N, C-alpha and C. Protein backbone atom coordinates (compact mmCIF):
# COMPACT_ATOMS: atom_id res chain seq x y z
N MET A 1 -9.81 -9.20 31.65
CA MET A 1 -10.77 -8.02 31.99
C MET A 1 -11.68 -7.48 31.12
N ILE A 2 -10.73 -7.03 30.09
CA ILE A 2 -11.57 -6.20 28.76
C ILE A 2 -12.50 -7.16 28.40
N ARG A 3 -12.22 -8.52 28.17
CA ARG A 3 -12.93 -9.50 27.62
C ARG A 3 -14.47 -9.54 28.45
N LEU A 4 -14.28 -9.72 29.64
CA LEU A 4 -15.42 -9.68 30.71
C LEU A 4 -16.00 -8.71 30.60
N PHE A 5 -15.55 -7.43 30.41
CA PHE A 5 -16.33 -6.23 30.28
C PHE A 5 -17.21 -6.09 28.82
N CYS A 6 -16.65 -6.63 27.86
CA CYS A 6 -17.12 -6.66 26.46
C CYS A 6 -18.20 -7.68 26.53
N ARG A 7 -18.02 -8.74 27.09
CA ARG A 7 -18.91 -9.94 27.20
C ARG A 7 -20.30 -9.31 27.91
N ALA A 8 -19.99 -8.55 28.96
CA ALA A 8 -21.17 -8.19 30.04
C ALA A 8 -22.04 -6.94 28.77
N VAL A 9 -21.25 -6.26 28.48
CA VAL A 9 -21.81 -5.12 27.65
C VAL A 9 -22.43 -5.67 26.35
N GLY A 10 -21.91 -6.43 25.76
CA GLY A 10 -22.68 -7.38 24.57
C GLY A 10 -24.02 -8.02 25.06
N SER A 11 -23.93 -8.59 26.43
CA SER A 11 -25.04 -9.10 26.86
C SER A 11 -26.14 -8.06 27.11
N LEU A 12 -25.93 -7.01 27.82
CA LEU A 12 -26.51 -5.97 27.89
C LEU A 12 -27.14 -5.36 26.63
N LEU A 13 -26.38 -5.08 25.77
CA LEU A 13 -27.12 -4.62 24.48
C LEU A 13 -28.01 -5.67 23.86
N MET A 14 -27.75 -6.73 24.09
CA MET A 14 -28.72 -7.98 23.60
C MET A 14 -29.93 -7.87 24.11
N MET A 15 -30.02 -7.76 25.76
CA MET A 15 -31.09 -7.71 26.33
C MET A 15 -31.84 -6.33 25.98
N CYS A 16 -31.23 -5.45 25.91
CA CYS A 16 -31.87 -3.84 25.43
C CYS A 16 -32.63 -4.13 24.02
N ALA A 17 -31.82 -4.70 23.17
CA ALA A 17 -32.54 -5.19 21.83
C ALA A 17 -33.74 -5.89 22.14
N ALA A 18 -33.66 -6.71 22.95
CA ALA A 18 -34.71 -7.64 22.95
C ALA A 18 -35.71 -7.02 23.78
N ALA A 19 -35.37 -6.15 24.39
CA ALA A 19 -36.66 -5.23 25.22
C ALA A 19 -37.19 -4.25 24.39
N GLY A 20 -36.66 -3.88 23.15
CA GLY A 20 -37.18 -2.95 22.23
C GLY A 20 -36.08 -1.55 22.35
N PHE A 21 -35.39 -1.57 23.03
CA PHE A 21 -34.53 -0.33 23.36
C PHE A 21 -33.67 -0.21 22.06
N ALA A 22 -33.18 1.09 21.70
CA ALA A 22 -32.30 1.07 20.74
C ALA A 22 -31.00 1.77 21.31
N ALA A 23 -29.91 1.26 20.81
CA ALA A 23 -28.62 1.73 21.54
C ALA A 23 -28.07 2.84 20.49
N GLU A 24 -27.64 3.78 21.07
CA GLU A 24 -27.27 4.89 20.43
C GLU A 24 -25.84 4.60 20.10
N GLU A 25 -25.29 4.69 18.74
CA GLU A 25 -23.95 4.45 18.46
C GLU A 25 -22.98 5.68 18.48
N THR A 26 -22.11 5.59 19.00
CA THR A 26 -21.50 7.20 18.97
C THR A 26 -20.16 6.88 18.39
N GLY A 27 -19.45 6.07 18.49
CA GLY A 27 -18.20 5.76 18.04
C GLY A 27 -17.71 5.91 16.53
N PRO A 28 -16.21 5.96 16.48
CA PRO A 28 -15.91 6.05 15.01
C PRO A 28 -16.40 5.02 14.02
N GLY A 29 -17.04 5.36 13.03
CA GLY A 29 -17.51 4.35 12.04
C GLY A 29 -19.08 4.32 12.29
N ALA A 30 -19.56 5.18 13.31
CA ALA A 30 -20.85 5.07 13.69
C ALA A 30 -21.64 6.53 13.60
N ALA A 31 -22.91 6.33 13.80
CA ALA A 31 -23.41 7.76 13.65
C ALA A 31 -22.91 8.43 15.25
N SER A 32 -22.40 9.70 14.98
CA SER A 32 -21.98 10.24 16.11
C SER A 32 -23.27 11.04 16.89
N ALA A 33 -22.76 11.27 18.27
CA ALA A 33 -23.84 11.89 19.28
C ALA A 33 -23.35 13.54 18.80
N ASP A 34 -24.21 14.38 19.20
CA ASP A 34 -23.69 15.67 19.07
C ASP A 34 -23.07 16.27 20.24
N TYR A 35 -21.81 16.50 20.32
CA TYR A 35 -21.13 17.08 21.67
C TYR A 35 -20.69 18.61 21.28
N ALA A 36 -21.58 19.19 20.59
CA ALA A 36 -21.18 20.66 20.32
C ALA A 36 -21.64 21.52 21.41
N ALA A 37 -22.61 20.95 22.25
CA ALA A 37 -23.08 21.83 23.31
C ALA A 37 -22.20 21.42 24.69
N LEU A 38 -21.10 20.73 24.67
CA LEU A 38 -20.51 20.20 25.68
C LEU A 38 -19.83 21.42 26.30
N ALA A 39 -19.32 22.27 25.38
CA ALA A 39 -18.18 23.38 25.86
C ALA A 39 -18.51 24.55 24.80
N LYS A 40 -17.81 25.90 25.15
CA LYS A 40 -18.01 26.96 24.54
C LYS A 40 -17.28 26.51 23.13
N GLN A 41 -16.17 25.88 23.14
CA GLN A 41 -14.78 25.49 22.15
C GLN A 41 -15.31 24.05 21.74
N THR A 42 -15.66 23.40 20.62
CA THR A 42 -15.75 22.12 20.32
C THR A 42 -15.49 22.04 18.91
N LEU A 43 -14.80 20.87 18.71
CA LEU A 43 -14.12 20.57 17.20
C LEU A 43 -14.51 19.03 17.03
N GLN A 44 -15.30 18.59 16.19
CA GLN A 44 -15.49 17.21 15.85
C GLN A 44 -14.24 16.80 14.98
N VAL A 45 -13.30 15.82 15.19
CA VAL A 45 -12.36 15.68 14.43
C VAL A 45 -12.29 14.35 13.64
N GLY A 46 -13.20 13.79 14.13
CA GLY A 46 -13.45 12.18 13.35
C GLY A 46 -14.85 11.79 13.82
N PRO A 47 -15.46 10.63 13.09
CA PRO A 47 -16.56 9.97 13.61
C PRO A 47 -16.25 9.56 15.10
N GLY A 48 -17.13 10.14 16.09
CA GLY A 48 -17.16 9.83 17.47
C GLY A 48 -16.08 10.55 18.32
N VAL A 49 -15.27 11.25 17.54
CA VAL A 49 -14.10 11.95 18.32
C VAL A 49 -14.38 13.69 18.23
N THR A 50 -14.26 14.00 19.60
CA THR A 50 -14.80 15.63 19.58
C THR A 50 -13.35 16.19 20.55
N LEU A 51 -13.05 17.22 20.20
CA LEU A 51 -11.99 18.20 20.92
C LEU A 51 -12.76 19.22 21.62
N ALA A 52 -12.69 19.42 22.79
CA ALA A 52 -13.23 20.62 23.31
C ALA A 52 -12.32 21.42 24.55
N GLY A 53 -13.06 22.59 24.82
CA GLY A 53 -12.32 23.18 25.85
C GLY A 53 -13.03 22.91 27.22
N ALA A 54 -13.06 23.70 28.12
CA ALA A 54 -13.75 23.24 29.42
C ALA A 54 -15.17 23.13 29.21
N LEU A 55 -15.51 21.83 29.94
CA LEU A 55 -16.84 21.27 29.71
C LEU A 55 -17.73 22.30 30.48
N LEU A 56 -18.97 22.73 30.19
CA LEU A 56 -20.03 23.11 30.68
C LEU A 56 -20.60 22.41 31.72
N PRO A 57 -21.48 23.21 32.72
CA PRO A 57 -22.30 22.54 33.71
C PRO A 57 -22.91 21.41 33.29
N ASP A 58 -23.82 21.36 32.22
CA ASP A 58 -24.58 20.32 31.69
C ASP A 58 -24.00 19.19 31.18
N ALA A 59 -22.61 19.25 30.69
CA ALA A 59 -21.97 18.18 30.02
C ALA A 59 -22.09 16.89 30.71
N VAL A 60 -21.88 16.89 31.78
CA VAL A 60 -21.55 15.66 32.68
C VAL A 60 -23.08 14.70 32.31
N ARG A 61 -24.21 15.39 32.17
CA ARG A 61 -25.43 14.52 32.19
C ARG A 61 -25.62 14.33 30.79
N HIS A 62 -25.01 15.09 29.74
CA HIS A 62 -25.12 14.85 28.61
C HIS A 62 -24.37 13.50 28.26
N LEU A 63 -22.93 13.55 28.55
CA LEU A 63 -21.85 12.68 28.40
C LEU A 63 -22.42 11.23 29.13
N ALA A 64 -23.00 11.42 30.06
CA ALA A 64 -23.79 10.30 30.66
C ALA A 64 -24.89 9.31 29.88
N ALA A 65 -25.54 10.42 29.37
CA ALA A 65 -26.66 9.95 28.56
C ALA A 65 -26.06 9.21 27.13
N THR A 66 -25.06 9.71 26.57
CA THR A 66 -24.39 9.11 25.38
C THR A 66 -23.37 8.04 25.59
N GLY A 67 -23.06 7.78 26.69
CA GLY A 67 -22.07 6.70 26.97
C GLY A 67 -20.46 7.15 26.40
N ALA A 68 -20.49 8.32 26.58
CA ALA A 68 -18.99 8.80 25.97
C ALA A 68 -17.96 8.54 26.94
N LEU A 69 -16.73 8.55 26.51
CA LEU A 69 -15.52 8.41 27.14
C LEU A 69 -14.95 9.80 27.43
N VAL A 70 -14.61 10.40 28.49
CA VAL A 70 -13.92 11.80 28.58
C VAL A 70 -12.36 11.54 28.85
N LEU A 71 -11.33 12.16 28.00
CA LEU A 71 -10.01 12.33 28.30
C LEU A 71 -9.59 13.82 28.61
N ASP A 72 -9.42 13.68 30.15
CA ASP A 72 -9.23 15.11 30.40
C ASP A 72 -7.84 15.44 30.41
N LEU A 73 -7.21 16.80 29.77
CA LEU A 73 -6.07 16.82 29.65
C LEU A 73 -5.46 18.09 30.80
N ARG A 74 -6.33 18.49 31.38
CA ARG A 74 -6.00 19.45 32.48
C ARG A 74 -5.35 18.72 33.78
N GLY A 75 -4.51 19.78 34.44
CA GLY A 75 -4.01 19.41 35.53
C GLY A 75 -4.85 19.62 36.89
N ALA A 76 -4.40 18.90 38.07
CA ALA A 76 -5.18 19.11 39.23
C ALA A 76 -5.59 20.49 39.68
N SER A 77 -4.77 21.40 39.37
CA SER A 77 -5.02 22.64 39.72
C SER A 77 -6.13 23.50 38.63
N GLU A 78 -6.39 22.90 37.68
CA GLU A 78 -7.34 23.46 36.83
C GLU A 78 -8.75 22.84 36.98
N GLY A 79 -8.84 21.79 38.10
CA GLY A 79 -10.18 21.53 38.28
C GLY A 79 -10.55 20.05 37.66
N ALA A 80 -9.37 19.34 37.43
CA ALA A 80 -9.88 17.87 36.87
C ALA A 80 -10.34 17.01 37.94
N ASP A 81 -9.63 17.08 39.38
CA ASP A 81 -10.19 16.33 40.49
C ASP A 81 -11.60 16.40 40.46
N THR A 82 -12.09 17.64 40.59
CA THR A 82 -13.48 17.98 40.86
C THR A 82 -14.32 17.24 39.76
N GLU A 83 -13.70 17.56 38.37
CA GLU A 83 -14.69 16.78 37.23
C GLU A 83 -14.63 15.36 37.26
N ALA A 84 -13.43 14.90 37.89
CA ALA A 84 -13.27 13.37 37.87
C ALA A 84 -14.35 12.80 38.96
N ARG A 85 -14.51 13.52 39.97
CA ARG A 85 -15.70 13.10 41.21
C ARG A 85 -16.87 12.84 40.41
N ALA A 86 -17.19 14.25 39.57
CA ALA A 86 -18.55 14.46 39.04
C ALA A 86 -18.82 13.40 38.02
N MET A 87 -17.77 13.09 37.15
CA MET A 87 -17.98 12.07 35.95
C MET A 87 -18.35 10.80 36.70
N ALA A 88 -17.49 10.45 37.72
CA ALA A 88 -17.73 9.19 38.41
C ALA A 88 -19.07 9.04 39.21
N LEU A 89 -19.74 9.97 39.57
CA LEU A 89 -20.98 9.96 40.10
C LEU A 89 -22.24 9.90 39.39
N ALA A 90 -21.73 10.20 37.95
CA ALA A 90 -22.56 10.19 36.96
C ALA A 90 -22.49 8.93 36.16
N GLY A 91 -21.47 8.10 36.43
CA GLY A 91 -21.18 6.87 35.55
C GLY A 91 -20.70 7.07 34.33
N VAL A 92 -19.78 8.24 34.19
CA VAL A 92 -19.06 8.44 32.80
C VAL A 92 -17.70 7.94 33.11
N ASP A 93 -17.25 7.33 32.08
CA ASP A 93 -15.88 6.76 31.89
C ASP A 93 -15.02 8.07 31.66
N TYR A 94 -13.78 8.03 32.56
CA TYR A 94 -13.02 9.47 32.68
C TYR A 94 -11.50 9.11 32.90
N VAL A 95 -10.72 9.47 31.97
CA VAL A 95 -9.43 9.19 32.12
C VAL A 95 -8.89 10.61 32.33
N HIS A 96 -7.67 10.64 32.87
CA HIS A 96 -6.91 11.84 33.17
C HIS A 96 -5.49 11.61 32.81
N LEU A 97 -5.18 12.57 31.86
CA LEU A 97 -3.95 12.37 31.03
C LEU A 97 -3.18 13.87 31.08
N PRO A 98 -2.80 14.29 32.14
CA PRO A 98 -2.47 15.80 32.24
C PRO A 98 -1.32 15.95 31.18
N GLN A 99 -1.84 17.19 30.38
CA GLN A 99 -0.65 17.83 29.37
C GLN A 99 -0.33 19.09 29.67
N THR A 100 0.96 19.55 29.18
CA THR A 100 1.20 21.04 29.08
C THR A 100 1.20 21.58 27.80
N ALA A 101 1.77 22.83 27.68
CA ALA A 101 1.45 23.33 26.33
C ALA A 101 2.65 22.87 25.38
N ALA A 102 3.79 21.95 25.88
CA ALA A 102 4.47 21.39 25.06
C ALA A 102 4.24 20.51 24.21
N PRO A 103 4.78 20.09 23.31
CA PRO A 103 4.31 18.77 22.49
C PRO A 103 4.39 17.39 23.19
N PRO A 104 3.43 16.78 23.09
CA PRO A 104 3.09 15.56 24.01
C PRO A 104 4.25 14.63 23.58
N ALA A 105 4.44 13.68 24.95
CA ALA A 105 5.64 12.51 24.79
C ALA A 105 5.01 11.60 23.84
N PRO A 106 5.89 11.00 23.02
CA PRO A 106 5.37 9.83 22.41
C PRO A 106 4.65 8.89 22.93
N ALA A 107 4.82 8.61 24.39
CA ALA A 107 4.25 7.62 24.94
C ALA A 107 2.68 8.18 25.33
N ASP A 108 2.50 9.51 25.25
CA ASP A 108 1.04 9.87 25.41
C ASP A 108 0.02 9.77 24.27
N VAL A 109 1.17 10.08 23.04
CA VAL A 109 0.29 9.91 21.83
C VAL A 109 0.01 8.45 21.53
N ALA A 110 0.78 7.37 21.94
CA ALA A 110 0.62 5.93 21.88
C ALA A 110 -0.50 5.68 22.73
N PHE A 111 -0.71 6.33 24.08
CA PHE A 111 -1.74 6.05 24.87
C PHE A 111 -3.13 6.48 24.29
N LEU A 112 -2.99 7.58 23.77
CA LEU A 112 -4.43 8.21 22.78
C LEU A 112 -4.68 7.06 21.67
N ARG A 113 -3.71 6.81 21.04
CA ARG A 113 -3.87 5.92 19.87
C ARG A 113 -4.81 4.52 20.38
N ASP A 114 -4.08 4.08 21.80
CA ASP A 114 -4.89 2.76 22.14
C ASP A 114 -6.18 3.10 22.87
N LEU A 115 -6.21 4.40 23.54
CA LEU A 115 -7.67 4.44 24.03
C LEU A 115 -8.67 4.45 22.77
N LEU A 116 -8.16 5.22 21.80
CA LEU A 116 -9.23 5.33 20.50
C LEU A 116 -9.62 3.71 20.21
N ALA A 117 -8.60 3.20 19.84
CA ALA A 117 -8.86 1.82 19.51
C ALA A 117 -9.70 0.87 20.28
N VAL A 118 -9.49 0.88 21.72
CA VAL A 118 -10.30 0.12 22.39
C VAL A 118 -11.63 0.76 22.65
N ASN A 119 -11.80 2.16 22.70
CA ASN A 119 -13.23 2.66 22.47
C ASN A 119 -13.77 3.23 20.99
N ASN A 120 -13.54 2.32 20.02
CA ASN A 120 -14.02 2.75 18.86
C ASN A 120 -15.25 2.35 18.69
N HIS A 121 -16.14 2.07 19.67
CA HIS A 121 -17.38 1.88 19.40
C HIS A 121 -18.28 3.02 20.13
N ARG A 122 -17.94 4.00 20.48
CA ARG A 122 -18.52 5.11 21.41
C ARG A 122 -17.70 6.34 21.19
N GLY A 123 -18.30 7.53 21.40
CA GLY A 123 -17.64 8.57 21.36
C GLY A 123 -16.57 9.03 22.36
N VAL A 124 -15.60 9.85 22.02
CA VAL A 124 -14.55 9.99 22.89
C VAL A 124 -14.61 11.46 22.71
N VAL A 125 -14.37 12.20 24.00
CA VAL A 125 -14.38 13.73 23.93
C VAL A 125 -12.92 14.05 24.70
N ILE A 126 -12.07 14.57 24.20
CA ILE A 126 -10.72 14.93 24.33
C ILE A 126 -10.79 16.31 24.71
N HIS A 127 -10.61 16.75 26.01
CA HIS A 127 -10.60 18.23 26.50
C HIS A 127 -9.63 18.72 27.55
N CYS A 128 -9.37 20.10 27.23
CA CYS A 128 -8.38 20.81 28.37
C CYS A 128 -9.32 21.98 28.63
N ALA A 129 -8.74 23.07 28.95
CA ALA A 129 -9.17 24.35 29.57
C ALA A 129 -10.00 25.04 28.12
N SER A 130 -9.16 25.15 27.12
CA SER A 130 -9.29 26.07 26.02
C SER A 130 -9.34 25.14 24.76
N GLY A 131 -9.09 23.87 24.74
CA GLY A 131 -9.07 23.13 23.61
C GLY A 131 -7.77 22.91 22.88
N ASN A 132 -6.75 23.93 23.20
CA ASN A 132 -5.52 23.94 22.45
C ASN A 132 -4.72 22.60 22.68
N ARG A 133 -4.60 22.22 24.21
CA ARG A 133 -3.87 20.95 24.26
C ARG A 133 -4.47 19.85 23.73
N ALA A 134 -5.90 19.84 23.64
CA ALA A 134 -6.65 18.76 22.87
C ALA A 134 -6.04 18.84 21.52
N ALA A 135 -6.07 19.92 21.02
CA ALA A 135 -5.68 19.95 19.50
C ALA A 135 -3.98 19.61 19.22
N LEU A 136 -3.26 19.93 20.33
CA LEU A 136 -1.88 19.45 20.22
C LEU A 136 -1.92 18.04 20.37
N LEU A 137 -2.39 17.36 21.25
CA LEU A 137 -2.22 16.02 21.25
C LEU A 137 -2.79 15.34 20.33
N TRP A 138 -4.25 15.66 19.66
CA TRP A 138 -4.74 15.05 18.66
C TRP A 138 -3.72 15.53 17.29
N GLY A 139 -3.33 16.54 17.14
CA GLY A 139 -2.43 16.92 16.08
C GLY A 139 -1.13 15.77 16.04
N ALA A 140 -0.44 15.31 16.98
CA ALA A 140 0.45 14.52 17.08
C ALA A 140 0.12 13.11 16.85
N TYR A 141 -1.39 12.81 17.35
CA TYR A 141 -1.75 11.45 17.07
C TYR A 141 -1.95 11.47 15.36
N ARG A 142 -2.43 12.74 14.74
CA ARG A 142 -2.72 12.29 13.50
C ARG A 142 -1.41 12.31 12.66
N LEU A 143 -0.47 12.93 13.25
CA LEU A 143 0.99 12.88 12.41
C LEU A 143 1.34 11.66 12.46
N ASP A 144 1.45 10.89 13.54
CA ASP A 144 1.69 9.56 13.89
C ASP A 144 0.99 8.65 13.15
N GLN A 145 -0.18 8.83 12.71
CA GLN A 145 -1.07 7.91 11.77
C GLN A 145 -0.80 8.36 10.15
N GLY A 146 0.08 9.01 10.10
CA GLY A 146 0.66 9.45 8.61
C GLY A 146 -0.03 10.80 7.92
N ALA A 147 -0.81 11.50 8.54
CA ALA A 147 -1.22 12.54 8.16
C ALA A 147 -0.21 13.57 7.98
N ALA A 148 -0.45 14.54 6.78
CA ALA A 148 0.48 15.48 6.54
C ALA A 148 0.13 16.63 7.32
N LEU A 149 1.34 17.40 7.84
CA LEU A 149 1.26 18.41 8.82
C LEU A 149 0.48 19.84 8.33
N PRO A 150 0.50 20.01 6.96
CA PRO A 150 -0.57 20.99 6.62
C PRO A 150 -1.99 20.60 6.78
N ASP A 151 -2.22 19.51 6.45
CA ASP A 151 -3.57 18.97 6.76
C ASP A 151 -3.78 18.73 8.07
N VAL A 152 -3.08 18.42 9.14
CA VAL A 152 -3.38 18.51 10.55
C VAL A 152 -3.65 19.69 10.82
N LEU A 153 -2.88 20.60 10.66
CA LEU A 153 -2.92 22.33 11.09
C LEU A 153 -4.22 22.75 10.69
N GLU A 154 -4.48 22.46 9.48
CA GLU A 154 -5.93 22.87 8.73
C GLU A 154 -7.10 22.19 9.81
N GLN A 155 -6.99 20.94 9.90
CA GLN A 155 -8.09 20.16 10.76
C GLN A 155 -8.23 20.94 11.95
N VAL A 156 -7.21 21.21 12.75
CA VAL A 156 -7.44 21.66 14.33
C VAL A 156 -7.40 23.06 14.18
N ARG A 157 -7.14 24.03 13.08
CA ARG A 157 -7.21 25.33 13.03
C ARG A 157 -8.70 25.88 14.07
N PRO A 158 -9.76 25.51 13.76
CA PRO A 158 -10.95 26.14 14.41
C PRO A 158 -10.66 26.18 16.12
N ILE A 159 -9.83 25.21 16.64
CA ILE A 159 -9.86 25.20 17.84
C ILE A 159 -8.51 25.38 18.36
N ALA A 160 -7.38 25.61 17.56
CA ALA A 160 -5.99 25.65 18.09
C ALA A 160 -5.83 27.11 17.91
N THR A 161 -6.19 27.91 18.87
CA THR A 161 -6.31 29.23 18.75
C THR A 161 -5.01 29.84 19.10
N LYS A 162 -4.07 29.38 19.88
CA LYS A 162 -3.06 29.76 20.06
C LYS A 162 -1.91 29.44 19.05
N GLN A 163 -0.94 30.51 18.88
CA GLN A 163 0.15 30.16 17.77
C GLN A 163 1.04 28.92 18.39
N ALA A 164 1.29 28.99 19.61
CA ALA A 164 2.03 28.16 20.33
C ALA A 164 1.57 26.80 20.42
N THR A 165 0.15 26.60 20.21
CA THR A 165 -0.20 25.18 19.81
C THR A 165 0.02 24.71 18.51
N ARG A 166 -0.21 25.54 17.37
CA ARG A 166 0.27 25.18 16.14
C ARG A 166 1.68 25.03 15.96
N GLN A 167 2.73 25.95 16.52
CA GLN A 167 4.02 25.57 16.62
C GLN A 167 4.11 24.25 17.28
N GLY A 168 3.70 23.96 18.18
CA GLY A 168 3.89 22.85 19.09
C GLY A 168 3.53 21.51 18.34
N ILE A 169 2.53 21.75 17.42
CA ILE A 169 2.40 20.45 16.48
C ILE A 169 3.40 20.50 15.24
N ALA A 170 3.99 21.56 14.92
CA ALA A 170 4.98 21.55 13.92
C ALA A 170 6.20 20.78 14.55
N THR A 171 6.54 21.12 15.83
CA THR A 171 7.57 20.75 16.69
C THR A 171 7.64 19.37 16.71
N TYR A 172 6.51 18.71 17.04
CA TYR A 172 6.17 17.36 17.14
C TYR A 172 6.59 16.67 15.78
N ALA A 173 6.08 17.33 14.80
CA ALA A 173 6.45 16.91 13.22
C ALA A 173 7.78 16.95 12.92
N ALA A 174 8.46 17.73 13.34
CA ALA A 174 9.94 17.91 13.08
C ALA A 174 10.67 16.90 14.07
N SER A 175 10.19 16.67 15.22
CA SER A 175 10.96 15.68 16.14
C SER A 175 10.98 14.36 15.72
N ARG A 176 9.51 13.90 14.67
CA ARG A 176 9.57 12.69 14.25
C ARG A 176 10.36 12.42 13.00
N GLN A 177 10.88 13.42 12.43
CA GLN A 177 11.59 13.24 11.32
C GLN A 177 13.38 13.54 11.54
N ALA A 178 13.62 13.85 12.80
CA ALA A 178 14.97 14.28 13.07
C ALA A 178 15.74 12.70 13.19
N PRO A 179 16.97 12.88 12.67
CA PRO A 179 17.65 11.70 13.03
C PRO A 179 18.10 11.66 14.47
N ALA A 180 18.18 10.34 14.73
CA ALA A 180 18.54 9.89 16.45
C ALA A 180 19.79 9.88 16.26
N GLY A 181 20.60 9.83 17.64
CA GLY A 181 21.79 10.03 17.77
C GLY A 181 22.50 8.63 17.21
N ASN A 182 21.92 7.49 17.11
CA ASN A 182 22.55 6.33 16.59
C ASN A 182 22.74 6.13 15.01
N GLY A 183 22.12 7.18 14.30
CA GLY A 183 22.02 7.23 12.80
C GLY A 183 20.84 6.61 12.31
N GLY A 184 20.08 6.07 13.16
CA GLY A 184 18.85 5.74 12.77
C GLY A 184 17.86 6.89 12.65
N SER A 185 16.39 6.74 12.54
CA SER A 185 15.30 7.64 12.51
C SER A 185 14.82 7.70 13.96
N ALA A 186 14.46 8.84 14.18
CA ALA A 186 13.80 8.94 15.74
C ALA A 186 12.59 8.15 15.89
N ASP A 187 12.19 8.06 17.06
CA ASP A 187 10.77 7.24 17.49
C ASP A 187 9.66 7.92 16.87
N GLN A 188 9.13 7.31 16.09
CA GLN A 188 7.72 8.12 15.25
C GLN A 188 6.60 7.77 16.11
N GLY A 189 6.71 7.16 17.22
CA GLY A 189 5.40 6.86 18.02
C GLY A 189 4.67 5.71 17.45
N HIS A 190 5.26 5.02 16.50
CA HIS A 190 4.62 3.66 16.37
C HIS A 190 5.30 2.57 17.13
N ARG A 191 4.36 1.69 17.42
CA ARG A 191 4.91 0.51 18.08
C ARG A 191 4.66 -0.80 17.51
N PRO A 192 5.32 -1.95 17.32
CA PRO A 192 5.16 -3.14 16.45
C PRO A 192 3.80 -3.76 16.89
């Protein structure tokens, strides 16, 4: 299914190039679109990856124009269902991965890792209501990628406005280093 999608996208890009249209590259390793106007709180944390709080009304149009993928961490009671419908109508790829203020599950961090790997050719906007859960999930991801805790905390400082968020990142880091009950090390979020 993914190969078929990639072939279709590749064919479309070649047709656009032949017609003289320039494709805007927005993913990691490419020139990034400007996502600062999507929300009151945004933080670009890598090429093509932006953390954000609640999206502004014009964000859907901007996301559709740039071809970005949206990862919404809010619950249904926070408006995620309404946003999902709006994104679908605008043709924006949208993924819902509800998170709480607790450190994310290793499976959710692995999901983010895989999502970023598959979408490395375009922008990815990870958002919640304030940006704190986005910072928490991103921080856990960066820790799993081998980043040091102080570096992660410094990177997300502008959007991780709650002490509980920063503490959640530190708790996730500690849980990765804690010995497991069988004498081995804890699951560090990596899969072979």
